[in-house]
């Protein structure tokens, strides 16, 4: 099972809101957009719109990881992560935080899942993570220990990433400084900027077309 980053963010948000704010769960499209775009407990921070979330919702629904309740005023969405993959609450909570915040150590995960599921120790978190990593189809990946770090980190194996599974992304900076940019010529910069703008426009157009198609299918009952 391979999810896009947006699908992983939507799935993680649904689990988080079910466990932390059950009175507001299931979530509408607008509530999901707000949850995805939170600036706390998210890494990286994103700026999704409704079409982007609707595309992710539809894909997750087709894969059995999400269920939509149709209402007179609005549709509401709930995750099926535990039921679809046969996971107990402890594993669901860990996967949700990994989906929302990227690679983390067992100690970080214990603290960040405390309100979702109370683990007795860091060792218990490690046992659960190792169990998820040793499944026939692994749901998490154990990353190599980085220089200067005492603990290993884990990352979810659900989201399809650009980098190979065993290669962790660069650690976030804590000194507030921006990483040095690679030198490029003005011609290269202009070309890259033009390509990035074109890709962004195409993605926005595709998102709008898919959302319109989804609404049309719903209207005709497909």
N, C-alpha and C. Protein backbone atom coordinates (compact mmCIF):
# COMPACT_ATOMS: atom_id res chain seq x y z
N UNK A 1 0.85 -1.19 0.00
CA UNK A 1 0.00 0.00 0.00
C UNK A 1 0.89 1.24 0.00
N UNK A 2 0.68 2.09 -0.98
CA UNK A 2 1.47 3.31 -1.09
C UNK A 2 0.53 4.49 -1.17
N UNK A 3 0.70 5.43 -0.26
CA UNK A 3 -0.14 6.62 -0.20
C UNK A 3 0.65 7.83 -0.67
N UNK A 4 -0.05 8.81 -1.22
CA UNK A 4 0.58 10.10 -1.49
C UNK A 4 0.75 10.82 -0.15
N UNK A 5 1.57 11.88 -0.16
CA UNK A 5 1.76 12.61 1.09
C UNK A 5 0.44 13.20 1.57
N UNK A 6 -0.38 13.72 0.64
CA UNK A 6 -1.67 14.31 1.04
C UNK A 6 -2.59 13.26 1.65
N UNK A 7 -2.59 12.06 1.09
CA UNK A 7 -3.42 10.99 1.65
C UNK A 7 -2.94 10.63 3.05
N UNK A 8 -1.62 10.58 3.25
CA UNK A 8 -1.09 10.29 4.57
C UNK A 8 -1.45 11.37 5.58
N UNK A 9 -1.39 12.64 5.16
CA UNK A 9 -1.73 13.74 6.05
C UNK A 9 -3.21 13.67 6.43
N UNK A 10 -4.09 13.41 5.46
CA UNK A 10 -5.53 13.31 5.74
C UNK A 10 -5.80 12.15 6.70
N UNK A 11 -5.18 11.00 6.45
CA UNK A 11 -5.40 9.83 7.30
C UNK A 11 -4.92 10.09 8.72
N UNK A 12 -3.73 10.68 8.87
CA UNK A 12 -3.23 11.00 10.20
C UNK A 12 -4.12 11.97 10.94
N UNK A 13 -4.64 12.96 10.23
CA UNK A 13 -5.53 13.96 10.85
C UNK A 13 -6.81 13.31 11.36
N UNK A 14 -7.37 12.40 10.59
CA UNK A 14 -8.61 11.74 11.01
C UNK A 14 -8.40 10.93 12.29
N UNK A 15 -7.28 10.21 12.37
CA UNK A 15 -6.99 9.46 13.59
C UNK A 15 -6.81 10.40 14.77
N UNK A 16 -6.02 11.45 14.57
CA UNK A 16 -5.76 12.41 15.64
C UNK A 16 -7.04 13.03 16.17
N UNK A 17 -7.90 13.48 15.29
CA UNK A 17 -9.13 14.16 15.73
C UNK A 17 -10.10 13.18 16.37
N UNK A 18 -10.13 11.94 15.91
CA UNK A 18 -10.99 10.94 16.56
C UNK A 18 -10.58 10.73 18.01
N UNK A 19 -9.26 10.71 18.26
CA UNK A 19 -8.76 10.41 19.60
C UNK A 19 -8.71 11.64 20.50
N UNK A 20 -8.48 12.81 19.93
CA UNK A 20 -8.30 14.01 20.75
C UNK A 20 -9.55 14.87 20.85
N UNK A 21 -10.34 14.91 19.80
CA UNK A 21 -11.58 15.73 19.82
C UNK A 21 -12.75 14.90 19.28
N UNK A 22 -13.12 13.83 19.98
CA UNK A 22 -14.18 12.94 19.47
C UNK A 22 -15.52 13.64 19.29
N UNK A 23 -15.74 14.74 20.03
CA UNK A 23 -17.01 15.47 19.90
C UNK A 23 -17.15 16.14 18.54
N UNK A 24 -16.03 16.37 17.85
CA UNK A 24 -16.07 17.02 16.54
C UNK A 24 -15.79 16.04 15.40
N UNK A 25 -15.85 14.76 15.69
CA UNK A 25 -15.52 13.71 14.72
C UNK A 25 -16.78 12.95 14.36
N UNK A 26 -16.95 12.52 13.11
CA UNK A 26 -16.13 12.61 11.90
C UNK A 26 -15.98 14.05 11.40
N UNK A 27 -15.10 14.23 10.40
CA UNK A 27 -14.76 15.56 9.93
C UNK A 27 -15.35 15.87 8.56
N UNK A 28 -15.82 17.11 8.40
CA UNK A 28 -16.25 17.60 7.09
C UNK A 28 -15.02 17.93 6.25
N UNK A 29 -15.24 18.25 4.97
CA UNK A 29 -14.13 18.66 4.11
C UNK A 29 -13.40 19.86 4.68
N UNK A 30 -14.15 20.87 5.12
CA UNK A 30 -13.53 22.08 5.64
C UNK A 30 -12.76 21.81 6.93
N UNK A 31 -13.32 20.95 7.79
CA UNK A 31 -12.62 20.60 9.02
C UNK A 31 -11.34 19.84 8.73
N UNK A 32 -11.36 18.99 7.70
CA UNK A 32 -10.16 18.26 7.31
C UNK A 32 -9.09 19.20 6.76
N UNK A 33 -9.51 20.19 5.98
CA UNK A 33 -8.56 21.17 5.46
C UNK A 33 -7.87 21.90 6.61
N UNK A 34 -8.67 22.32 7.59
CA UNK A 34 -8.11 23.02 8.75
C UNK A 34 -7.15 22.12 9.53
N UNK A 35 -7.51 20.86 9.67
CA UNK A 35 -6.65 19.92 10.41
C UNK A 35 -5.34 19.68 9.66
N UNK A 36 -5.41 19.54 8.35
CA UNK A 36 -4.20 19.32 7.56
C UNK A 36 -3.27 20.53 7.61
N UNK A 37 -3.86 21.72 7.65
CA UNK A 37 -3.06 22.95 7.58
C UNK A 37 -2.65 23.51 8.94
N UNK A 38 -2.88 22.76 10.00
CA UNK A 38 -2.45 23.22 11.33
C UNK A 38 -0.97 23.56 11.31
N UNK A 39 -0.60 24.53 12.11
CA UNK A 39 0.81 24.90 12.23
C UNK A 39 1.45 24.30 13.47
N UNK A 40 0.68 23.55 14.26
CA UNK A 40 1.21 22.84 15.41
C UNK A 40 1.05 21.35 15.18
N UNK A 41 1.98 20.58 15.72
CA UNK A 41 1.96 19.11 15.62
C UNK A 41 1.97 18.63 14.18
N UNK A 42 2.59 19.38 13.29
CA UNK A 42 2.69 19.00 11.89
C UNK A 42 4.11 19.27 11.38
N UNK A 43 4.62 18.36 10.59
CA UNK A 43 5.92 18.55 9.96
C UNK A 43 5.95 17.74 8.66
N UNK A 44 6.00 18.39 7.51
CA UNK A 44 6.05 19.84 7.32
C UNK A 44 4.66 20.47 7.40
N UNK A 45 4.64 21.80 7.47
CA UNK A 45 3.38 22.54 7.43
C UNK A 45 2.95 22.66 5.96
N UNK A 46 1.66 22.46 5.71
CA UNK A 46 1.16 22.50 4.35
C UNK A 46 0.05 23.53 4.22
N UNK A 47 -0.32 23.82 3.00
CA UNK A 47 -1.44 24.73 2.71
C UNK A 47 -2.33 24.05 1.68
N UNK A 48 -3.17 23.13 2.14
CA UNK A 48 -4.06 22.41 1.24
C UNK A 48 -5.35 23.19 1.03
N UNK A 49 -5.97 22.97 -0.13
CA UNK A 49 -7.29 23.52 -0.38
C UNK A 49 -8.31 22.38 -0.40
N UNK A 50 -9.58 22.71 -0.56
CA UNK A 50 -10.62 21.69 -0.53
C UNK A 50 -10.45 20.66 -1.65
N UNK A 51 -10.18 21.06 -2.91
CA UNK A 51 -9.99 20.05 -3.95
C UNK A 51 -8.88 19.04 -3.63
N UNK A 52 -7.78 19.52 -3.06
CA UNK A 52 -6.67 18.62 -2.71
C UNK A 52 -7.13 17.59 -1.69
N UNK A 53 -7.86 18.04 -0.68
CA UNK A 53 -8.34 17.13 0.35
C UNK A 53 -9.38 16.16 -0.21
N UNK A 54 -10.24 16.64 -1.09
CA UNK A 54 -11.27 15.77 -1.66
C UNK A 54 -10.65 14.66 -2.51
N UNK A 55 -9.60 14.98 -3.23
CA UNK A 55 -8.91 13.96 -4.03
C UNK A 55 -8.32 12.90 -3.10
N UNK A 56 -7.68 13.32 -2.02
CA UNK A 56 -7.11 12.38 -1.06
C UNK A 56 -8.20 11.54 -0.41
N UNK A 57 -9.31 12.16 -0.05
CA UNK A 57 -10.42 11.45 0.57
C UNK A 57 -10.95 10.36 -0.36
N UNK A 58 -11.14 10.71 -1.61
CA UNK A 58 -11.68 9.74 -2.56
C UNK A 58 -10.74 8.55 -2.72
N UNK A 59 -9.45 8.81 -2.83
CA UNK A 59 -8.48 7.72 -2.98
C UNK A 59 -8.45 6.83 -1.75
N UNK A 60 -8.46 7.44 -0.56
CA UNK A 60 -8.47 6.66 0.68
C UNK A 60 -9.74 5.83 0.80
N UNK A 61 -10.85 6.39 0.35
CA UNK A 61 -12.11 5.64 0.40
C UNK A 61 -12.07 4.43 -0.52
N UNK A 62 -11.49 4.61 -1.70
CA UNK A 62 -11.38 3.51 -2.66
C UNK A 62 -10.46 2.40 -2.16
N UNK A 63 -9.47 2.76 -1.33
CA UNK A 63 -8.55 1.76 -0.78
C UNK A 63 -9.05 1.15 0.52
N UNK A 64 -10.21 1.58 1.01
CA UNK A 64 -10.78 1.01 2.22
C UNK A 64 -10.27 1.60 3.50
N UNK A 65 -9.50 2.68 3.42
CA UNK A 65 -8.94 3.29 4.62
C UNK A 65 -9.80 4.43 5.17
N UNK A 66 -10.87 4.77 4.47
CA UNK A 66 -11.72 5.88 4.87
C UNK A 66 -13.17 5.57 4.51
N UNK A 67 -14.07 6.04 5.33
CA UNK A 67 -15.51 5.89 5.09
C UNK A 67 -16.15 7.26 5.16
N UNK A 68 -17.06 7.55 4.23
CA UNK A 68 -17.75 8.83 4.20
C UNK A 68 -19.21 8.65 4.57
N UNK A 69 -19.66 9.48 5.51
CA UNK A 69 -21.07 9.50 5.88
C UNK A 69 -21.73 10.66 5.13
N UNK A 70 -22.69 10.34 4.31
CA UNK A 70 -23.35 11.37 3.51
C UNK A 70 -24.50 11.97 4.31
N UNK A 71 -24.51 13.29 4.45
CA UNK A 71 -25.55 14.00 5.17
C UNK A 71 -26.25 15.01 4.29
N UNK A 72 -27.33 15.56 4.80
CA UNK A 72 -28.09 16.53 4.02
C UNK A 72 -27.30 17.82 3.81
N UNK A 73 -26.56 18.24 4.83
CA UNK A 73 -25.84 19.51 4.74
C UNK A 73 -24.39 19.32 4.28
N UNK A 74 -23.75 18.25 4.72
CA UNK A 74 -22.35 18.03 4.34
C UNK A 74 -21.98 16.57 4.57
N UNK A 75 -20.98 16.13 3.84
CA UNK A 75 -20.43 14.80 4.06
C UNK A 75 -19.40 14.86 5.19
N UNK A 76 -19.30 13.75 5.92
CA UNK A 76 -18.32 13.66 7.00
C UNK A 76 -17.50 12.38 6.82
N UNK A 77 -16.23 12.49 7.17
CA UNK A 77 -15.30 11.40 6.89
C UNK A 77 -14.70 10.83 8.18
N UNK A 78 -14.52 9.51 8.17
CA UNK A 78 -13.88 8.84 9.30
C UNK A 78 -12.87 7.83 8.76
N UNK A 79 -11.80 7.61 9.50
CA UNK A 79 -10.77 6.68 9.04
C UNK A 79 -11.15 5.24 9.35
N UNK A 80 -10.54 4.33 8.61
CA UNK A 80 -10.72 2.89 8.82
C UNK A 80 -9.35 2.22 8.94
N UNK A 81 -8.38 2.96 9.45
CA UNK A 81 -7.00 2.47 9.49
C UNK A 81 -6.88 1.18 10.30
N UNK A 82 -7.41 1.20 11.52
CA UNK A 82 -7.30 0.01 12.36
C UNK A 82 -8.05 -1.17 11.80
N UNK A 83 -9.28 -0.94 11.33
CA UNK A 83 -10.11 -2.02 10.81
C UNK A 83 -9.54 -2.59 9.52
N UNK A 84 -9.04 -1.71 8.63
CA UNK A 84 -8.56 -2.16 7.33
C UNK A 84 -7.27 -2.97 7.44
N UNK A 85 -6.40 -2.60 8.36
CA UNK A 85 -5.10 -3.26 8.47
C UNK A 85 -4.98 -4.16 9.69
N UNK A 86 -6.06 -4.28 10.47
CA UNK A 86 -6.02 -5.14 11.65
C UNK A 86 -5.08 -4.66 12.72
N UNK A 87 -5.15 -3.37 13.05
CA UNK A 87 -4.21 -2.78 14.01
C UNK A 87 -4.90 -2.45 15.32
N UNK A 88 -4.26 -2.72 16.45
CA UNK A 88 -4.78 -2.31 17.75
C UNK A 88 -4.55 -0.81 17.96
N UNK A 89 -5.19 -0.22 18.99
CA UNK A 89 -5.08 1.23 19.21
C UNK A 89 -3.66 1.75 19.34
N UNK A 90 -2.77 1.01 19.98
CA UNK A 90 -1.40 1.48 20.16
C UNK A 90 -0.71 1.70 18.82
N UNK A 91 -0.89 0.76 17.90
CA UNK A 91 -0.25 0.87 16.60
C UNK A 91 -0.88 1.99 15.77
N UNK A 92 -2.19 2.16 15.87
CA UNK A 92 -2.87 3.22 15.14
C UNK A 92 -2.36 4.59 15.60
N UNK A 93 -2.21 4.75 16.90
CA UNK A 93 -1.74 6.04 17.44
C UNK A 93 -0.33 6.36 16.95
N UNK A 94 0.56 5.38 16.98
CA UNK A 94 1.93 5.61 16.52
C UNK A 94 1.97 5.95 15.04
N UNK A 95 1.21 5.22 14.23
CA UNK A 95 1.20 5.51 12.80
C UNK A 95 0.67 6.91 12.52
N UNK A 96 -0.35 7.32 13.27
CA UNK A 96 -0.92 8.65 13.05
C UNK A 96 0.12 9.74 13.29
N UNK A 97 0.86 9.63 14.38
CA UNK A 97 1.86 10.67 14.69
C UNK A 97 3.02 10.63 13.69
N UNK A 98 3.38 9.44 13.23
CA UNK A 98 4.42 9.35 12.20
C UNK A 98 3.94 9.99 10.89
N UNK A 99 2.68 9.78 10.55
CA UNK A 99 2.13 10.38 9.34
C UNK A 99 2.09 11.90 9.44
N UNK A 100 1.85 12.41 10.63
CA UNK A 100 1.70 13.85 10.82
C UNK A 100 3.02 14.58 11.03
N UNK A 101 4.04 13.87 11.54
CA UNK A 101 5.26 14.59 11.94
C UNK A 101 6.55 13.99 11.42
N UNK A 102 6.47 12.98 10.56
CA UNK A 102 7.67 12.44 9.94
C UNK A 102 8.52 11.61 10.88
N UNK A 103 9.80 11.38 10.53
CA UNK A 103 10.68 10.53 11.32
C UNK A 103 10.83 11.02 12.75
N UNK A 104 10.74 10.09 13.71
CA UNK A 104 10.83 10.44 15.13
C UNK A 104 11.46 9.30 15.92
N UNK A 105 12.01 9.64 17.07
CA UNK A 105 12.58 8.63 17.96
C UNK A 105 11.47 8.03 18.81
N UNK A 106 11.70 6.85 19.39
CA UNK A 106 10.70 6.27 20.29
C UNK A 106 10.34 7.18 21.45
N UNK A 107 11.34 7.91 21.97
CA UNK A 107 11.05 8.84 23.06
C UNK A 107 10.13 9.96 22.63
N UNK A 108 10.38 10.51 21.46
CA UNK A 108 9.50 11.56 20.94
C UNK A 108 8.10 11.03 20.71
N UNK A 109 8.01 9.84 20.18
CA UNK A 109 6.70 9.25 19.89
C UNK A 109 5.92 8.96 21.18
N UNK A 110 6.61 8.54 22.20
CA UNK A 110 5.90 8.29 23.46
C UNK A 110 5.27 9.57 23.99
N UNK A 111 6.03 10.67 23.95
CA UNK A 111 5.50 11.93 24.44
C UNK A 111 4.37 12.47 23.57
N UNK A 112 4.47 12.29 22.27
CA UNK A 112 3.50 12.88 21.36
C UNK A 112 2.24 12.04 21.19
N UNK A 113 2.28 10.79 21.65
CA UNK A 113 1.07 9.95 21.59
C UNK A 113 0.40 9.83 22.95
N UNK A 114 0.91 10.56 23.94
CA UNK A 114 0.43 10.38 25.31
C UNK A 114 -1.07 10.55 25.45
N UNK A 115 -1.65 11.53 24.75
CA UNK A 115 -3.09 11.77 24.85
C UNK A 115 -3.90 10.82 23.97
N UNK A 116 -3.23 10.15 23.05
CA UNK A 116 -3.91 9.20 22.18
C UNK A 116 -3.89 7.78 22.75
N UNK A 117 -2.69 7.42 23.25
CA UNK A 117 -2.52 6.09 23.85
C UNK A 117 -1.35 6.17 24.83
N UNK A 118 -1.56 5.75 26.04
CA UNK A 118 -0.53 5.85 27.08
C UNK A 118 0.37 4.62 27.04
N UNK A 119 1.63 4.83 26.67
CA UNK A 119 2.63 3.75 26.70
C UNK A 119 3.33 3.79 28.05
N UNK A 120 3.61 2.62 28.59
CA UNK A 120 4.24 2.54 29.91
C UNK A 120 5.71 2.96 29.88
N UNK A 121 6.38 2.77 28.75
CA UNK A 121 7.80 3.07 28.67
C UNK A 121 8.21 3.26 27.22
N UNK A 122 9.42 3.81 27.05
CA UNK A 122 9.97 3.95 25.71
C UNK A 122 10.22 2.57 25.10
N UNK A 123 10.60 1.62 25.96
CA UNK A 123 10.84 0.25 25.48
C UNK A 123 9.57 -0.36 24.88
N UNK A 124 8.43 -0.05 25.48
CA UNK A 124 7.17 -0.56 24.93
C UNK A 124 6.91 0.05 23.55
N UNK A 125 7.20 1.33 23.41
CA UNK A 125 7.05 1.98 22.10
C UNK A 125 7.94 1.28 21.07
N UNK A 126 9.17 0.99 21.45
CA UNK A 126 10.10 0.32 20.53
C UNK A 126 9.58 -1.05 20.13
N UNK A 127 9.00 -1.78 21.07
CA UNK A 127 8.48 -3.12 20.75
C UNK A 127 7.33 -3.02 19.74
N UNK A 128 6.46 -2.05 19.94
CA UNK A 128 5.34 -1.88 19.01
C UNK A 128 5.85 -1.47 17.63
N UNK A 129 6.81 -0.55 17.60
CA UNK A 129 7.37 -0.11 16.33
C UNK A 129 8.06 -1.26 15.60
N UNK A 130 8.82 -2.05 16.34
CA UNK A 130 9.50 -3.18 15.71
C UNK A 130 8.50 -4.19 15.17
N UNK A 131 7.36 -4.35 15.87
CA UNK A 131 6.32 -5.24 15.37
C UNK A 131 5.74 -4.73 14.06
N UNK A 132 5.55 -3.41 13.97
CA UNK A 132 5.04 -2.83 12.73
C UNK A 132 6.06 -2.95 11.59
N UNK A 133 7.34 -2.90 11.95
CA UNK A 133 8.40 -3.00 10.94
C UNK A 133 8.60 -4.43 10.45
N UNK A 134 8.19 -5.41 11.27
CA UNK A 134 8.44 -6.82 10.93
C UNK A 134 7.23 -7.50 10.31
N UNK A 135 6.18 -6.75 10.04
CA UNK A 135 5.03 -7.33 9.36
C UNK A 135 5.41 -7.78 7.95
N UNK A 136 4.66 -8.74 7.37
CA UNK A 136 4.95 -9.16 5.98
C UNK A 136 5.02 -7.97 5.03
N UNK A 137 4.13 -7.00 5.24
CA UNK A 137 4.20 -5.73 4.53
C UNK A 137 4.45 -4.65 5.58
N UNK A 138 5.71 -4.28 5.81
CA UNK A 138 6.05 -3.35 6.90
C UNK A 138 5.27 -2.04 6.81
N UNK A 139 4.86 -1.56 7.99
CA UNK A 139 4.15 -0.28 8.06
C UNK A 139 5.04 0.84 8.58
N UNK A 140 6.19 0.50 9.16
CA UNK A 140 7.18 1.50 9.54
C UNK A 140 8.56 1.00 9.13
N UNK A 141 9.48 1.94 9.02
CA UNK A 141 10.88 1.62 8.69
C UNK A 141 11.79 2.18 9.76
N UNK A 142 12.72 1.37 10.21
CA UNK A 142 13.71 1.80 11.19
C UNK A 142 14.89 2.41 10.45
N UNK A 143 15.16 3.68 10.71
CA UNK A 143 16.22 4.39 10.02
C UNK A 143 17.56 4.19 10.73
N UNK A 144 18.61 4.31 9.97
CA UNK A 144 19.95 4.20 10.55
C UNK A 144 20.20 5.36 11.51
N UNK A 145 20.94 5.08 12.59
CA UNK A 145 21.26 6.13 13.55
C UNK A 145 22.12 7.18 12.89
N UNK A 146 21.75 8.44 13.05
CA UNK A 146 22.50 9.53 12.45
C UNK A 146 23.67 9.95 13.33
N UNK A 147 24.74 10.46 12.73
CA UNK A 147 25.88 10.93 13.52
C UNK A 147 25.45 11.97 14.55
N UNK A 148 25.89 11.79 15.79
CA UNK A 148 25.57 12.74 16.85
C UNK A 148 24.26 12.45 17.55
N UNK A 149 23.50 11.46 17.08
CA UNK A 149 22.23 11.10 17.71
C UNK A 149 22.37 9.81 18.49
N UNK A 150 21.77 9.77 19.68
CA UNK A 150 21.84 8.57 20.50
C UNK A 150 20.74 7.57 20.15
N UNK A 151 19.60 8.08 19.70
CA UNK A 151 18.47 7.21 19.42
C UNK A 151 18.24 7.06 17.92
N UNK A 152 17.73 5.89 17.55
CA UNK A 152 17.33 5.69 16.16
C UNK A 152 15.96 6.33 15.95
N UNK A 153 15.64 6.57 14.71
CA UNK A 153 14.33 7.13 14.39
C UNK A 153 13.56 6.15 13.52
N UNK A 154 12.26 6.30 13.57
CA UNK A 154 11.36 5.47 12.76
C UNK A 154 10.53 6.38 11.87
N UNK A 155 10.15 5.86 10.70
CA UNK A 155 9.30 6.60 9.78
C UNK A 155 8.24 5.64 9.26
N UNK A 156 7.04 6.16 8.96
CA UNK A 156 6.00 5.29 8.42
C UNK A 156 6.41 4.80 7.03
N UNK A 157 5.93 3.61 6.67
CA UNK A 157 6.20 3.04 5.35
C UNK A 157 4.96 3.07 4.47
N UNK A 158 3.97 3.84 4.86
CA UNK A 158 2.74 3.95 4.08
C UNK A 158 2.85 4.97 2.96
N UNK A 159 3.52 6.09 3.24
CA UNK A 159 3.59 7.18 2.27
C UNK A 159 4.76 6.96 1.32
N UNK A 160 4.47 7.05 0.04
CA UNK A 160 5.50 6.94 -0.99
C UNK A 160 6.32 8.20 -1.01
N UNK A 161 7.60 8.09 -0.72
CA UNK A 161 8.48 9.25 -0.66
C UNK A 161 9.47 9.23 -1.80
N UNK A 162 10.03 10.41 -2.10
CA UNK A 162 11.00 10.52 -3.18
C UNK A 162 12.30 9.81 -2.84
N UNK A 163 12.69 9.87 -1.55
CA UNK A 163 13.97 9.27 -1.15
C UNK A 163 13.78 7.78 -0.90
N UNK A 164 14.84 6.96 -1.07
CA UNK A 164 14.75 5.53 -0.75
C UNK A 164 14.34 5.32 0.70
N UNK A 165 13.63 4.19 1.01
CA UNK A 165 13.10 3.98 2.37
C UNK A 165 14.13 4.10 3.48
N UNK A 166 15.36 3.66 3.25
CA UNK A 166 16.35 3.68 4.32
C UNK A 166 17.12 4.98 4.45
N UNK A 167 16.81 5.95 3.60
CA UNK A 167 17.57 7.19 3.60
C UNK A 167 16.76 8.29 4.26
N UNK A 168 17.09 8.70 5.49
CA UNK A 168 16.31 9.73 6.18
C UNK A 168 16.55 11.10 5.58
N UNK A 169 15.54 11.98 5.67
CA UNK A 169 15.75 13.35 5.20
C UNK A 169 16.70 14.09 6.13
N UNK A 170 17.20 15.21 5.70
CA UNK A 170 18.11 16.00 6.53
C UNK A 170 17.40 16.42 7.80
N UNK A 171 18.06 16.34 8.97
CA UNK A 171 17.41 16.72 10.22
C UNK A 171 17.06 18.19 10.24
N UNK A 172 15.94 18.58 10.88
CA UNK A 172 15.57 19.99 10.93
C UNK A 172 16.59 20.80 11.72
N UNK A 173 16.83 22.03 11.30
CA UNK A 173 17.76 22.90 12.01
C UNK A 173 17.09 23.47 13.25
N UNK A 174 17.86 23.63 14.30
CA UNK A 174 17.33 24.15 15.55
C UNK A 174 17.89 25.51 15.90
N UNK A 175 18.81 26.01 15.06
CA UNK A 175 19.44 27.29 15.37
C UNK A 175 18.77 28.47 14.67
N UNK A 176 17.68 28.16 13.94
CA UNK A 176 16.95 29.22 13.26
C UNK A 176 17.56 29.65 11.95
N UNK A 177 18.71 29.09 11.60
CA UNK A 177 19.37 29.48 10.36
C UNK A 177 18.86 28.65 9.20
N UNK A 178 18.88 29.23 8.03
CA UNK A 178 18.48 28.52 6.84
C UNK A 178 19.67 27.72 6.32
N UNK A 179 19.44 26.50 5.79
CA UNK A 179 20.55 25.75 5.22
C UNK A 179 21.11 26.46 4.00
N UNK A 180 22.40 26.35 3.76
CA UNK A 180 22.99 27.03 2.61
C UNK A 180 22.44 26.51 1.30
N UNK A 181 22.16 27.41 0.40
CA UNK A 181 21.61 27.00 -0.90
C UNK A 181 22.73 26.62 -1.83
N UNK A 182 22.44 25.66 -2.70
CA UNK A 182 23.43 25.26 -3.68
C UNK A 182 23.58 26.36 -4.72
N UNK A 183 24.81 26.66 -5.13
CA UNK A 183 25.00 27.73 -6.11
C UNK A 183 24.42 27.34 -7.46
N UNK A 184 23.69 28.26 -8.07
CA UNK A 184 23.13 28.03 -9.41
C UNK A 184 23.34 29.28 -10.24
N UNK A 185 23.39 29.11 -11.51
CA UNK A 185 23.54 30.27 -12.39
C UNK A 185 22.19 30.92 -12.57
N UNK A 186 22.19 32.17 -13.03
CA UNK A 186 20.93 32.88 -13.21
C UNK A 186 20.05 32.19 -14.24
N UNK A 187 20.68 31.63 -15.29
CA UNK A 187 19.89 30.94 -16.30
C UNK A 187 19.23 29.70 -15.75
N UNK A 188 19.97 28.95 -14.93
CA UNK A 188 19.40 27.76 -14.30
C UNK A 188 18.26 28.12 -13.38
N UNK A 189 18.45 29.18 -12.59
CA UNK A 189 17.42 29.61 -11.65
C UNK A 189 16.15 29.98 -12.40
N UNK A 190 16.28 30.72 -13.49
CA UNK A 190 15.12 31.14 -14.25
C UNK A 190 14.39 29.94 -14.83
N UNK A 191 15.15 28.97 -15.33
CA UNK A 191 14.53 27.78 -15.90
C UNK A 191 13.78 26.99 -14.84
N UNK A 192 14.41 26.81 -13.69
CA UNK A 192 13.77 26.08 -12.60
C UNK A 192 12.53 26.80 -12.11
N UNK A 193 12.59 28.10 -12.00
CA UNK A 193 11.44 28.88 -11.54
C UNK A 193 10.28 28.74 -12.52
N UNK A 194 10.59 28.78 -13.82
CA UNK A 194 9.54 28.66 -14.83
C UNK A 194 8.91 27.28 -14.78
N UNK A 195 9.74 26.25 -14.63
CA UNK A 195 9.22 24.90 -14.56
C UNK A 195 8.37 24.70 -13.31
N UNK A 196 8.83 25.25 -12.19
CA UNK A 196 8.08 25.11 -10.94
C UNK A 196 6.72 25.79 -11.05
N UNK A 197 6.69 26.96 -11.68
CA UNK A 197 5.43 27.67 -11.86
C UNK A 197 4.48 26.89 -12.75
N UNK A 198 5.03 26.31 -13.82
CA UNK A 198 4.19 25.54 -14.75
C UNK A 198 3.63 24.30 -14.07
N UNK A 199 4.48 23.62 -13.30
CA UNK A 199 4.01 22.42 -12.59
C UNK A 199 2.93 22.77 -11.59
N UNK A 200 3.11 23.87 -10.86
CA UNK A 200 2.11 24.29 -9.87
C UNK A 200 0.77 24.58 -10.54
N UNK A 201 0.82 25.26 -11.69
CA UNK A 201 -0.41 25.57 -12.42
C UNK A 201 -1.10 24.30 -12.90
N UNK A 202 -0.31 23.36 -13.42
CA UNK A 202 -0.88 22.11 -13.90
C UNK A 202 -1.50 21.31 -12.76
N UNK A 203 -0.82 21.27 -11.62
CA UNK A 203 -1.36 20.54 -10.48
C UNK A 203 -2.66 21.16 -10.00
N UNK A 204 -2.72 22.47 -9.97
CA UNK A 204 -3.95 23.14 -9.54
C UNK A 204 -5.09 22.84 -10.50
N UNK A 205 -4.78 22.84 -11.80
CA UNK A 205 -5.81 22.57 -12.80
C UNK A 205 -6.31 21.13 -12.68
N UNK A 206 -5.37 20.19 -12.50
CA UNK A 206 -5.77 18.78 -12.34
C UNK A 206 -6.62 18.59 -11.10
N UNK A 207 -6.24 19.25 -9.99
CA UNK A 207 -7.01 19.14 -8.76
C UNK A 207 -8.43 19.64 -8.95
N UNK A 208 -8.57 20.76 -9.65
CA UNK A 208 -9.90 21.31 -9.89
C UNK A 208 -10.73 20.38 -10.78
N UNK A 209 -10.10 19.82 -11.82
CA UNK A 209 -10.82 18.92 -12.71
C UNK A 209 -11.25 17.65 -11.99
N UNK A 210 -10.37 17.11 -11.15
CA UNK A 210 -10.72 15.89 -10.42
C UNK A 210 -11.84 16.15 -9.42
N UNK A 211 -11.80 17.31 -8.76
CA UNK A 211 -12.86 17.64 -7.82
C UNK A 211 -14.20 17.80 -8.54
N UNK A 212 -14.16 18.45 -9.71
CA UNK A 212 -15.39 18.62 -10.49
C UNK A 212 -15.93 17.28 -10.96
N UNK A 213 -15.02 16.39 -11.38
CA UNK A 213 -15.44 15.06 -11.81
C UNK A 213 -16.03 14.26 -10.66
N UNK A 214 -15.41 14.39 -9.47
CA UNK A 214 -15.92 13.70 -8.29
C UNK A 214 -17.33 14.16 -7.95
N UNK A 215 -17.56 15.47 -8.00
CA UNK A 215 -18.89 16.00 -7.71
C UNK A 215 -19.91 15.55 -8.75
N UNK A 216 -19.48 15.51 -10.02
CA UNK A 216 -20.39 15.05 -11.09
C UNK A 216 -20.77 13.60 -10.89
N UNK A 217 -19.80 12.77 -10.52
CA UNK A 217 -20.10 11.35 -10.28
C UNK A 217 -21.06 11.18 -9.12
N UNK A 218 -20.85 11.98 -8.06
CA UNK A 218 -21.76 11.91 -6.91
C UNK A 218 -23.16 12.33 -7.30
N UNK A 219 -23.28 13.34 -8.18
CA UNK A 219 -24.59 13.83 -8.57
C UNK A 219 -25.38 12.80 -9.36
N UNK A 220 -24.65 12.01 -10.19
CA UNK A 220 -25.35 11.03 -11.02
C UNK A 220 -25.39 9.65 -10.38
N UNK A 221 -24.81 9.56 -9.15
CA UNK A 221 -24.90 8.31 -8.39
C UNK A 221 -23.91 7.25 -8.78
N UNK A 222 -22.76 7.64 -9.36
CA UNK A 222 -21.73 6.66 -9.71
C UNK A 222 -20.79 6.43 -8.54
